[in-house]
Amino acid sequence: MKIINLLLLIAVFIFGVIQMRKSSSIIKTDWFKSLSYNEKLETTSKIKSNWKTSIILLAIIVCAMLILISSFIGKTHYYENTINILILIVGVIVTIFLVINNQKLEKNIKN
């Protein structure tokens, strides 16, 4: 269970980083270059807001990784199965929030 959780957390972290790179690639498009100065500022602020949320979610994943790694290194905990299940749930919830956050950004950029 620990190994599955660790692989899930690593996959979610990589997914989050890819989503952040995808959102920042908007700045390099011709569409963005054709915007006026004020529109560029507005679009950039939306991207920064997306990044802030993604960074907070990725920080939660890193904390979950640290908890999981400490269970590998340290003594056996009495509630190890509960911890593993909660880490699995956290990973799934963070993935859902990352997807929702990026969908919200795409909708805001189109408006």
C-alpha atoms as a PDB file:
ATOM      1  CA  MET A   1       0.000   0.000   0.000  1.00  0.00           C
ATOM      2  CA  LYS A   2       2.864   2.364   0.789  1.00  0.00           C
ATOM      3  CA  ILE A   3       4.480   1.857  -2.591  1.00  0.00           C
ATOM      4  CA  ILE A   4       1.187   2.421  -4.418  1.00  0.00           C
ATOM      5  CA  ASN A   5       0.648   5.628  -2.457  1.00  0.00           C
ATOM      6  CA  LEU A   6       4.169   6.822  -3.176  1.00  0.00           C
ATOM      7  CA  LEU A   7       3.738   6.183  -6.903  1.00  0.00           C
ATOM      8  CA  LEU A   8       0.366   7.944  -6.840  1.00  0.00           C
ATOM      9  CA  LEU A   9       1.812  10.986  -5.084  1.00  0.00           C
ATOM     10  CA  ILE A  10       4.717  11.183  -7.521  1.00  0.00           C
ATOM     11  CA  ALA A  11       2.303  10.887 -10.458  1.00  0.00           C
ATOM     12  CA  VAL A  12       0.037  13.615  -9.041  1.00  0.00           C
ATOM     13  CA  PHE A  13       3.051  15.881  -8.462  1.00  0.00           C
ATOM     14  CA  ILE A  14       4.274  15.388 -12.040  1.00  0.00           C
ATOM     15  CA  PHE A  15       0.734  15.967 -13.336  1.00  0.00           C
ATOM     16  CA  GLY A  16       0.541  19.213 -11.376  1.00  0.00           C
ATOM     17  CA  VAL A  17       3.858  20.452 -12.734  1.00  0.00           C
ATOM     18  CA  ILE A  18       2.784  19.604 -16.291  1.00  0.00           C
ATOM     19  CA  GLN A  19      -0.480  21.489 -15.780  1.00  0.00           C
ATOM     20  CA  MET A  20       1.428  24.516 -14.478  1.00  0.00           C
ATOM     21  CA  ARG A  21       3.730  24.482 -17.512  1.00  0.00           C
ATOM     22  CA  LYS A  22       0.702  24.165 -19.766  1.00  0.00           C
ATOM     23  CA  SER A  23      -0.923  27.201 -18.183  1.00  0.00           C
ATOM     24  CA  SER A  24       2.235  29.286 -18.481  1.00  0.00           C
ATOM     25  CA  SER A  25       2.639  28.342 -22.148  1.00  0.00           C
ATOM     26  CA  ILE A  26      -0.307  30.658 -22.887  1.00  0.00           C
ATOM     27  CA  ILE A  27       2.109  33.578 -22.522  1.00  0.00           C
ATOM     28  CA  LYS A  28       4.201  32.315 -25.443  1.00  0.00           C
ATOM     29  CA  THR A  29       1.318  32.122 -27.921  1.00  0.00           C
ATOM     30  CA  ASP A  30       0.665  34.595 -30.721  1.00  0.00           C
ATOM     31  CA  TRP A  31      -2.773  35.260 -29.247  1.00  0.00           C
ATOM     32  CA  PHE A  32      -1.200  36.609 -26.057  1.00  0.00           C
ATOM     33  CA  LYS A  33       1.297  38.738 -27.987  1.00  0.00           C
ATOM     34  CA  SER A  34      -1.524  40.389 -29.909  1.00  0.00           C
ATOM     35  CA  LEU A  35      -3.294  41.571 -26.733  1.00  0.00           C
ATOM     36  CA  SER A  36      -3.137  45.126 -25.477  1.00  0.00           C
ATOM     37  CA  TYR A  37      -1.088  45.977 -22.392  1.00  0.00           C
ATOM     38  CA  ASN A  38      -4.075  45.937 -20.016  1.00  0.00           C
ATOM     39  CA  GLU A  39      -5.363  42.657 -21.418  1.00  0.00           C
ATOM     40  CA  LYS A  40      -1.909  41.125 -20.981  1.00  0.00           C
ATOM     41  CA  LEU A  41      -1.852  42.234 -17.338  1.00  0.00           C
ATOM     42  CA  GLU A  42      -5.297  40.758 -16.748  1.00  0.00           C
ATOM     43  CA  THR A  43      -4.384  37.459 -18.395  1.00  0.00           C
ATOM     44  CA  THR A  44      -1.096  37.267 -16.495  1.00  0.00           C
ATOM     45  CA  SER A  45      -2.895  37.864 -13.190  1.00  0.00           C
ATOM     46  CA  LYS A  46      -5.264  34.985 -13.987  1.00  0.00           C
ATOM     47  CA  ILE A  47      -2.303  32.721 -14.721  1.00  0.00           C
ATOM     48  CA  LYS A  48      -0.582  33.781 -11.478  1.00  0.00           C
ATOM     49  CA  SER A  49      -3.745  33.019  -9.536  1.00  0.00           C
ATOM     50  CA  ASN A  50      -3.811  29.562 -11.119  1.00  0.00           C
ATOM     51  CA  TRP A  51      -0.167  29.057 -10.198  1.00  0.00           C
ATOM     52  CA  LYS A  52      -0.752  30.068  -6.568  1.00  0.00           C
ATOM     53  CA  THR A  53      -3.520  27.507  -6.203  1.00  0.00           C
ATOM     54  CA  SER A  54      -1.448  24.828  -7.931  1.00  0.00           C
ATOM     55  CA  ILE A  55       1.555  25.523  -5.703  1.00  0.00           C
ATOM     56  CA  ILE A  56      -0.581  25.175  -2.579  1.00  0.00           C
ATOM     57  CA  LEU A  57      -1.962  21.857  -3.859  1.00  0.00           C
ATOM     58  CA  LEU A  58       1.521  20.610  -4.739  1.00  0.00           C
ATOM     59  CA  ALA A  59       2.740  21.612  -1.272  1.00  0.00           C
ATOM     60  CA  ILE A  60       0.029  19.388   0.194  1.00  0.00           C
ATOM     61  CA  ILE A  61       1.327  16.532  -1.979  1.00  0.00           C
ATOM     62  CA  VAL A  62       4.901  17.146  -0.791  1.00  0.00           C
ATOM     63  CA  CYS A  63       3.716  17.036   2.836  1.00  0.00           C
ATOM     64  CA  ALA A  64       1.926  13.766   2.167  1.00  0.00           C
ATOM     65  CA  MET A  65       5.128  12.413   0.598  1.00  0.00           C
ATOM     66  CA  LEU A  66       7.101  13.383   3.694  1.00  0.00           C
ATOM     67  CA  ILE A  67       4.593  11.633   5.940  1.00  0.00           C
ATOM     68  CA  LEU A  68       4.767   8.543   3.755  1.00  0.00           C
ATOM     69  CA  ILE A  69       8.569   8.568   3.630  1.00  0.00           C
ATOM     70  CA  SER A  70       8.715   8.902   7.410  1.00  0.00           C
ATOM     71  CA  SER A  71       6.585   5.772   7.678  1.00  0.00           C
ATOM     72  CA  PHE A  72       9.158   3.927   5.534  1.00  0.00           C
ATOM     73  CA  ILE A  73      12.066   5.094   7.673  1.00  0.00           C
ATOM     74  CA  GLY A  74      10.555   5.209  11.134  1.00  0.00           C
ATOM     75  CA  LYS A  75       8.944   2.679  13.379  1.00  0.00           C
ATOM     76  CA  THR A  76       5.711   0.970  12.494  1.00  0.00           C
ATOM     77  CA  HIS A  77       2.749   3.118  13.456  1.00  0.00           C
ATOM     78  CA  TYR A  78      -0.361   1.659  14.999  1.00  0.00           C
ATOM     79  CA  TYR A  79      -2.573   3.465  12.493  1.00  0.00           C
ATOM     80  CA  GLU A  80      -0.440   2.804   9.417  1.00  0.00           C
ATOM     81  CA  ASN A  81      -3.325   1.495   7.289  1.00  0.00           C
ATOM     82  CA  THR A  82      -5.443   4.516   8.170  1.00  0.00           C
ATOM     83  CA  ILE A  83      -2.573   6.848   7.248  1.00  0.00           C
ATOM     84  CA  ASN A  84      -2.130   5.064   3.912  1.00  0.00           C
ATOM     85  CA  ILE A  85      -5.827   5.305   3.080  1.00  0.00           C
ATOM     86  CA  LEU A  86      -5.921   8.999   4.012  1.00  0.00           C
ATOM     87  CA  ILE A  87      -2.868   9.721   1.864  1.00  0.00           C
ATOM     88  CA  LEU A  88      -4.557   7.930  -1.043  1.00  0.00           C
ATOM     89  CA  ILE A  89      -7.677  10.063  -0.556  1.00  0.00           C
ATOM     90  CA  VAL A  90      -5.575  13.249  -0.363  1.00  0.00           C
ATOM     91  CA  GLY A  91      -3.859  12.341  -3.622  1.00  0.00           C
ATOM     92  CA  VAL A  92      -7.167  11.827  -5.405  1.00  0.00           C
ATOM     93  CA  ILE A  93      -8.661  15.051  -4.001  1.00  0.00           C
ATOM     94  CA  VAL A  94      -5.610  17.102  -5.024  1.00  0.00           C
ATOM     95  CA  THR A  95      -5.795  15.645  -8.534  1.00  0.00           C
ATOM     96  CA  ILE A  96      -9.455  16.633  -8.798  1.00  0.00           C
ATOM     97  CA  PHE A  97      -8.701  20.159  -7.566  1.00  0.00           C
ATOM     98  CA  LEU A  98      -5.816  20.504 -10.054  1.00  0.00           C
ATOM     99  CA  VAL A  99      -8.113  19.545 -12.926  1.00  0.00           C
ATOM    100  CA  ILE A 100     -10.866  21.905 -11.737  1.00  0.00           C
ATOM    101  CA  ASN A 101      -8.353  24.727 -11.263  1.00  0.00           C
ATOM    102  CA  ASN A 102      -7.054  24.364 -14.819  1.00  0.00           C
ATOM    103  CA  GLN A 103     -10.553  24.144 -16.287  1.00  0.00           C
ATOM    104  CA  LYS A 104     -11.437  27.329 -14.433  1.00  0.00           C
ATOM    105  CA  LEU A 105      -8.347  29.032 -15.874  1.00  0.00           C
ATOM    106  CA  GLU A 106      -9.221  27.990 -19.418  1.00  0.00           C
ATOM    107  CA  LYS A 107     -12.771  29.307 -18.952  1.00  0.00           C
ATOM    108  CA  ASN A 108     -11.456  32.615 -17.519  1.00  0.00           C
ATOM    109  CA  ILE A 109      -8.943  33.051 -20.339  1.00  0.00           C
ATOM    110  CA  LYS A 110     -11.627  32.569 -22.998  1.00  0.00           C
ATOM    111  CA  ASN A 111     -13.792  35.303 -21.443  1.00  0.00           C
END
